[in-house]
N, C-alpha and C. Protein backbone atom coordinates (compact mmCIF):
# COMPACT_ATOMS: atom_id res chain seq x y z
N UNK A 1 -90.17 -71.76 70.35
CA UNK A 1 -89.75 -72.07 69.06
C UNK A 1 -90.61 -73.68 68.63
N UNK A 2 -90.18 -74.31 69.76
CA UNK A 2 -90.56 -75.65 69.39
C UNK A 2 -92.33 -75.93 69.55
N UNK A 3 -92.89 -75.07 70.13
CA UNK A 3 -94.42 -75.27 70.05
C UNK A 3 -94.94 -74.66 68.95
N UNK A 4 -93.99 -73.55 68.50
CA UNK A 4 -94.82 -73.12 67.03
C UNK A 4 -94.43 -73.83 65.94
N UNK A 5 -93.62 -75.10 66.13
CA UNK A 5 -93.24 -76.00 65.16
C UNK A 5 -94.06 -77.42 65.28
N UNK A 6 -94.80 -77.13 66.51
CA UNK A 6 -95.44 -78.36 66.48
C UNK A 6 -94.91 -79.43 67.60
N UNK A 7 -93.64 -79.04 68.09
CA UNK A 7 -92.87 -80.12 68.66
C UNK A 7 -93.19 -79.94 70.17
N UNK A 8 -93.44 -81.52 70.60
CA UNK A 8 -93.72 -81.48 72.25
C UNK A 8 -92.48 -81.62 72.88
N UNK A 9 -92.36 -80.66 74.08
CA UNK A 9 -91.15 -80.50 74.71
C UNK A 9 -91.12 -81.63 76.17
N UNK A 10 -90.09 -81.86 76.33
CA UNK A 10 -89.70 -82.66 77.45
C UNK A 10 -88.41 -82.21 78.33
N UNK A 11 -88.66 -81.60 79.64
CA UNK A 11 -87.56 -81.18 80.35
C UNK A 11 -87.04 -82.15 81.37
N UNK A 12 -85.87 -82.63 81.36
CA UNK A 12 -85.33 -83.45 82.38
C UNK A 12 -84.57 -82.61 83.43
N UNK A 13 -85.63 -82.50 84.53
CA UNK A 13 -85.06 -81.84 85.57
C UNK A 13 -84.40 -82.72 86.81
N UNK A 14 -84.15 -83.69 86.56
CA UNK A 14 -83.59 -84.82 87.65
C UNK A 14 -82.51 -84.10 88.28
N UNK A 15 -81.49 -83.61 87.45
CA UNK A 15 -80.35 -83.16 88.24
C UNK A 15 -80.59 -81.68 88.82
N UNK A 16 -81.45 -80.84 88.39
CA UNK A 16 -81.52 -79.64 88.98
C UNK A 16 -82.76 -79.43 89.89
N UNK A 17 -83.75 -80.22 90.00
CA UNK A 17 -84.93 -80.10 90.67
C UNK A 17 -84.35 -79.81 92.27
N UNK A 18 -83.46 -80.52 92.59
CA UNK A 18 -83.12 -80.62 93.75
C UNK A 18 -82.28 -79.71 94.69
N UNK A 19 -81.81 -78.66 93.60
CA UNK A 19 -81.03 -77.48 93.86
C UNK A 19 -81.63 -76.13 93.46
N UNK A 20 -82.97 -76.06 92.76
CA UNK A 20 -83.49 -74.85 92.32
C UNK A 20 -84.85 -74.95 92.30
N UNK A 21 -85.62 -73.89 92.55
CA UNK A 21 -87.01 -73.97 92.09
C UNK A 21 -87.11 -73.94 90.66
N UNK A 22 -88.18 -74.90 90.06
CA UNK A 22 -88.63 -75.06 89.01
C UNK A 22 -89.84 -74.62 88.84
N UNK A 23 -90.09 -73.62 87.76
CA UNK A 23 -91.42 -73.12 87.04
C UNK A 23 -91.76 -73.31 86.06
N UNK A 24 -92.79 -74.45 86.01
CA UNK A 24 -92.82 -75.14 84.49
C UNK A 24 -93.89 -74.17 83.71
N UNK A 25 -94.41 -73.11 84.35
CA UNK A 25 -95.15 -71.86 83.53
C UNK A 25 -93.98 -71.01 82.88
N UNK A 26 -92.85 -70.81 83.77
CA UNK A 26 -92.11 -70.12 83.21
C UNK A 26 -91.30 -70.62 81.83
N UNK A 27 -91.09 -71.78 82.32
CA UNK A 27 -90.20 -72.65 81.30
C UNK A 27 -91.14 -72.71 79.96
N UNK A 28 -92.27 -73.10 80.14
CA UNK A 28 -93.21 -73.43 79.20
C UNK A 28 -93.15 -74.54 78.42
N UNK A 29 -92.54 -75.72 79.20
CA UNK A 29 -92.54 -76.86 78.58
C UNK A 29 -93.84 -77.80 78.68
N UNK A 30 -93.84 -78.74 77.92
CA UNK A 30 -95.10 -79.54 77.85
C UNK A 30 -95.13 -80.56 79.10
N UNK A 31 -93.75 -81.34 79.12
CA UNK A 31 -93.58 -82.28 80.12
C UNK A 31 -92.15 -81.94 80.87
N UNK A 32 -92.49 -82.06 82.18
CA UNK A 32 -91.03 -81.91 82.90
C UNK A 32 -91.10 -83.46 83.88
N UNK A 33 -89.79 -83.99 83.92
CA UNK A 33 -89.44 -85.09 84.78
C UNK A 33 -88.60 -84.72 86.12
N UNK A 34 -88.63 -85.24 87.20
CA UNK A 34 -87.78 -85.20 88.24
C UNK A 34 -88.09 -86.46 89.00
N UNK A 35 -87.07 -86.55 89.92
CA UNK A 35 -86.91 -87.74 90.86
C UNK A 35 -86.91 -87.69 92.13
N UNK A 36 -87.84 -88.20 92.99
CA UNK A 36 -87.72 -87.96 94.48
C UNK A 36 -86.39 -88.20 95.26
N UNK A 37 -85.84 -89.34 95.07
CA UNK A 37 -84.50 -89.56 95.48
C UNK A 37 -83.50 -88.53 95.47
N UNK A 38 -83.36 -87.85 94.35
CA UNK A 38 -82.56 -86.94 93.95
C UNK A 38 -82.94 -85.62 94.74
N UNK A 39 -84.04 -85.25 95.34
CA UNK A 39 -84.46 -84.40 96.09
C UNK A 39 -84.37 -84.84 97.61
N UNK A 40 -83.59 -85.84 98.29
CA UNK A 40 -83.48 -86.54 99.50
C UNK A 40 -84.83 -87.07 99.87
N UNK A 41 -85.71 -87.56 98.88
CA UNK A 41 -86.66 -88.23 99.19
C UNK A 41 -86.74 -89.73 98.91
N UNK A 42 -87.76 -90.58 98.90
CA UNK A 42 -87.52 -91.88 98.97
C UNK A 42 -87.26 -92.50 97.51
N UNK A 43 -86.60 -93.64 97.62
CA UNK A 43 -86.41 -94.07 95.98
C UNK A 43 -87.65 -94.54 95.81
N UNK A 44 -87.77 -94.99 94.41
CA UNK A 44 -88.87 -95.80 93.64
C UNK A 44 -90.10 -94.32 93.40
N UNK A 45 -89.69 -93.30 93.26
CA UNK A 45 -90.81 -92.37 93.00
C UNK A 45 -90.30 -91.48 92.16
N UNK A 46 -90.88 -91.24 90.97
CA UNK A 46 -90.57 -90.17 90.24
C UNK A 46 -91.85 -89.27 89.90
N UNK A 47 -91.58 -88.19 89.12
CA UNK A 47 -92.44 -87.18 89.25
C UNK A 47 -92.50 -86.70 87.49
N UNK A 48 -93.87 -86.70 87.18
CA UNK A 48 -93.86 -86.32 85.83
C UNK A 48 -94.89 -85.11 85.77
N UNK A 49 -94.76 -83.89 85.16
CA UNK A 49 -95.50 -82.75 85.19
C UNK A 49 -95.87 -82.91 83.63
N UNK A 50 -97.12 -82.74 83.36
CA UNK A 50 -97.56 -82.66 81.84
C UNK A 50 -98.73 -82.04 81.67
N UNK A 51 -98.83 -81.27 80.68
CA UNK A 51 -100.05 -80.51 80.25
C UNK A 51 -101.46 -81.19 80.17
N UNK A 52 -102.23 -80.77 80.74
CA UNK A 52 -103.58 -81.80 80.95
C UNK A 52 -103.91 -82.17 79.66
N UNK A 53 -103.98 -81.12 78.64
CA UNK A 53 -104.65 -81.57 77.23
C UNK A 53 -103.84 -82.80 76.51
N UNK A 54 -102.51 -82.70 76.81
CA UNK A 54 -101.68 -83.75 76.29
C UNK A 54 -102.07 -85.03 76.89
N UNK A 55 -101.96 -85.23 78.23
CA UNK A 55 -102.21 -86.18 79.00
C UNK A 55 -103.47 -86.88 78.76
N UNK A 56 -104.36 -85.92 78.74
CA UNK A 56 -105.86 -86.63 78.61
C UNK A 56 -105.95 -87.25 77.13
N UNK A 57 -105.13 -86.70 76.18
CA UNK A 57 -104.86 -87.19 74.82
C UNK A 57 -104.47 -88.45 74.56
N UNK A 58 -103.50 -88.90 75.75
CA UNK A 58 -102.85 -90.24 75.60
C UNK A 58 -103.41 -91.35 76.08
N UNK A 59 -103.11 -92.48 75.37
CA UNK A 59 -103.67 -93.60 76.11
C UNK A 59 -103.08 -94.01 77.37
N UNK A 60 -103.34 -95.10 78.43
CA UNK A 60 -102.72 -95.55 79.41
C UNK A 60 -101.84 -96.51 78.73
N UNK A 61 -100.49 -96.38 79.57
CA UNK A 61 -99.64 -97.34 79.18
C UNK A 61 -99.60 -98.86 79.86
N UNK A 62 -100.24 -98.76 80.71
CA UNK A 62 -100.69 -100.04 81.44
C UNK A 62 -102.24 -100.10 81.97
N UNK A 63 -102.90 -101.41 82.04
CA UNK A 63 -104.32 -101.32 82.53
C UNK A 63 -104.12 -101.87 83.95
N UNK A 64 -105.43 -101.48 84.69
CA UNK A 64 -105.34 -102.11 86.08
C UNK A 64 -105.45 -101.10 87.23
N UNK A 65 -105.80 -101.37 88.45
CA UNK A 65 -106.12 -100.37 89.27
C UNK A 65 -107.48 -99.72 89.02
N UNK A 66 -107.42 -98.76 89.22
CA UNK A 66 -108.62 -97.95 89.28
C UNK A 66 -108.52 -96.95 88.05
N UNK A 67 -108.08 -97.21 86.99
CA UNK A 67 -108.09 -96.19 85.91
C UNK A 67 -109.14 -96.16 85.11
N UNK A 68 -110.11 -97.02 85.03
CA UNK A 68 -111.15 -97.12 84.18
C UNK A 68 -112.40 -96.23 84.93
N UNK A 69 -113.06 -95.55 84.25
CA UNK A 69 -114.22 -94.60 84.86
C UNK A 69 -115.71 -95.42 84.54
N UNK A 70 -115.84 -95.83 83.29
CA UNK A 70 -116.85 -96.67 82.90
C UNK A 70 -116.44 -97.82 81.78
N UNK A 71 -117.21 -98.75 81.97
CA UNK A 71 -117.04 -99.89 80.91
C UNK A 71 -118.56 -100.22 80.41
N UNK A 72 -118.56 -100.66 79.40
CA UNK A 72 -119.68 -101.13 78.68
C UNK A 72 -119.26 -102.11 77.43
N UNK A 73 -120.20 -102.64 76.79
CA UNK A 73 -119.73 -103.62 75.74
C UNK A 73 -119.10 -103.10 74.51
N UNK A 74 -119.35 -101.66 74.52
CA UNK A 74 -118.54 -100.90 73.37
C UNK A 74 -117.06 -100.63 73.61
N UNK A 75 -116.63 -100.48 74.79
CA UNK A 75 -115.31 -100.12 75.30
C UNK A 75 -115.21 -99.60 76.77
N UNK A 76 -114.46 -98.72 77.00
CA UNK A 76 -113.95 -98.41 78.42
C UNK A 76 -113.63 -96.96 78.36
N UNK A 77 -114.14 -96.21 79.14
CA UNK A 77 -113.90 -94.57 79.35
C UNK A 77 -113.04 -94.39 80.54
N UNK A 78 -111.76 -93.94 80.37
CA UNK A 78 -110.66 -93.71 81.24
C UNK A 78 -110.96 -92.64 82.08
N UNK A 79 -110.21 -92.73 83.31
CA UNK A 79 -110.59 -91.62 84.48
C UNK A 79 -109.60 -90.23 83.77
N UNK A 80 -109.74 -89.48 84.24
CA UNK A 80 -108.83 -88.08 83.87
C UNK A 80 -107.39 -88.17 84.61
N UNK A 81 -106.60 -87.61 83.85
CA UNK A 81 -105.07 -87.92 84.41
C UNK A 81 -105.28 -86.84 85.79
N UNK A 82 -104.28 -87.49 86.53
CA UNK A 82 -103.19 -88.53 86.29
C UNK A 82 -103.97 -89.58 86.43
N UNK A 83 -104.91 -89.83 87.05
CA UNK A 83 -105.59 -91.30 87.58
C UNK A 83 -105.49 -92.19 86.65
N UNK A 84 -105.53 -91.77 85.22
CA UNK A 84 -105.75 -92.90 83.92
C UNK A 84 -104.31 -93.66 83.76
N UNK A 85 -103.08 -92.90 84.43
CA UNK A 85 -101.94 -93.57 84.39
C UNK A 85 -101.28 -94.07 85.55
N UNK A 86 -102.14 -94.51 86.53
CA UNK A 86 -101.88 -95.00 87.87
C UNK A 86 -102.33 -96.37 88.02
N UNK A 87 -101.84 -97.33 87.30
CA UNK A 87 -102.24 -98.74 87.30
C UNK A 87 -101.88 -99.51 88.32
N UNK A 88 -102.76 -100.40 89.17
CA UNK A 88 -102.05 -101.25 90.04
C UNK A 88 -102.07 -100.45 91.47
N UNK A 89 -101.49 -101.20 92.34
CA UNK A 89 -101.48 -100.80 93.92
C UNK A 89 -100.79 -99.29 94.00
N UNK A 90 -101.45 -98.27 94.35
CA UNK A 90 -100.77 -97.04 94.26
C UNK A 90 -99.64 -97.04 95.71
N UNK A 91 -98.92 -95.99 95.14
CA UNK A 91 -97.81 -95.83 96.38
C UNK A 91 -98.27 -94.88 97.57
N UNK A 92 -98.03 -95.41 98.58
CA UNK A 92 -98.67 -94.96 99.95
C UNK A 92 -97.55 -93.95 100.43
N UNK A 93 -96.47 -94.62 100.88
CA UNK A 93 -95.52 -94.11 101.97
C UNK A 93 -94.43 -93.13 101.12
N UNK A 94 -94.13 -93.50 99.71
CA UNK A 94 -93.11 -92.58 99.21
C UNK A 94 -93.99 -91.38 98.70
N UNK A 95 -95.00 -91.05 98.48
CA UNK A 95 -95.25 -89.56 98.46
C UNK A 95 -95.42 -88.84 99.84
N UNK A 96 -95.68 -89.55 100.94
CA UNK A 96 -95.54 -89.02 102.22
C UNK A 96 -93.99 -88.53 102.34
N UNK A 97 -93.07 -89.36 101.96
CA UNK A 97 -91.61 -89.09 102.30
C UNK A 97 -91.09 -87.82 101.40
N UNK A 98 -91.68 -87.99 100.10
CA UNK A 98 -91.18 -86.69 99.39
C UNK A 98 -91.97 -85.52 100.13
N UNK A 99 -93.06 -85.47 100.31
CA UNK A 99 -93.78 -84.35 101.03
C UNK A 99 -92.81 -83.94 102.23
N UNK A 100 -92.40 -84.61 102.81
CA UNK A 100 -91.71 -84.59 104.39
C UNK A 100 -90.39 -83.75 103.95
N UNK A 101 -89.63 -84.22 102.80
CA UNK A 101 -88.47 -83.66 102.14
C UNK A 101 -88.62 -82.39 101.71
N UNK A 102 -89.63 -82.11 100.96
CA UNK A 102 -89.72 -80.96 100.36
C UNK A 102 -90.23 -79.89 101.52
N UNK A 103 -90.99 -80.54 102.40
CA UNK A 103 -91.31 -79.23 103.53
C UNK A 103 -90.40 -79.03 104.48
N UNK A 104 -89.22 -79.97 104.78
CA UNK A 104 -88.09 -79.64 105.61
C UNK A 104 -87.27 -78.77 104.55
N UNK A 105 -87.33 -78.47 103.64
CA UNK A 105 -86.86 -77.40 102.91
C UNK A 105 -85.34 -78.08 102.21
N UNK A 106 -85.21 -79.16 102.18
CA UNK A 106 -84.02 -80.00 101.75
C UNK A 106 -83.78 -79.49 100.36
N UNK A 107 -84.56 -79.22 99.75
CA UNK A 107 -84.42 -78.66 98.25
C UNK A 107 -84.49 -77.07 98.16
N UNK A 108 -84.11 -76.49 97.13
CA UNK A 108 -84.20 -75.15 96.96
C UNK A 108 -83.42 -74.31 97.77
């Protein structure tokens, strides 16, 4: 109903993602958010699923790092999602910690 009305949907899966598998295609949401520390992973790492077309149409919220693909005197062309939203120094250890938590079956 939301999609038919042109409404973008966001599912807050933070409290539930640690306890059950989440199928974004089955849900049919545009965006879904969850947090690594709620899944026994490291703090400081959140996850956002989003439909590529919506993410691609959005401007970056911050600038820096490697979000720019090309720059000329007329403007800049940003990298494709998710890279265009990852300004600054990327997290390195946190995703590895989340992967370990998921691999060990702490959730689900």
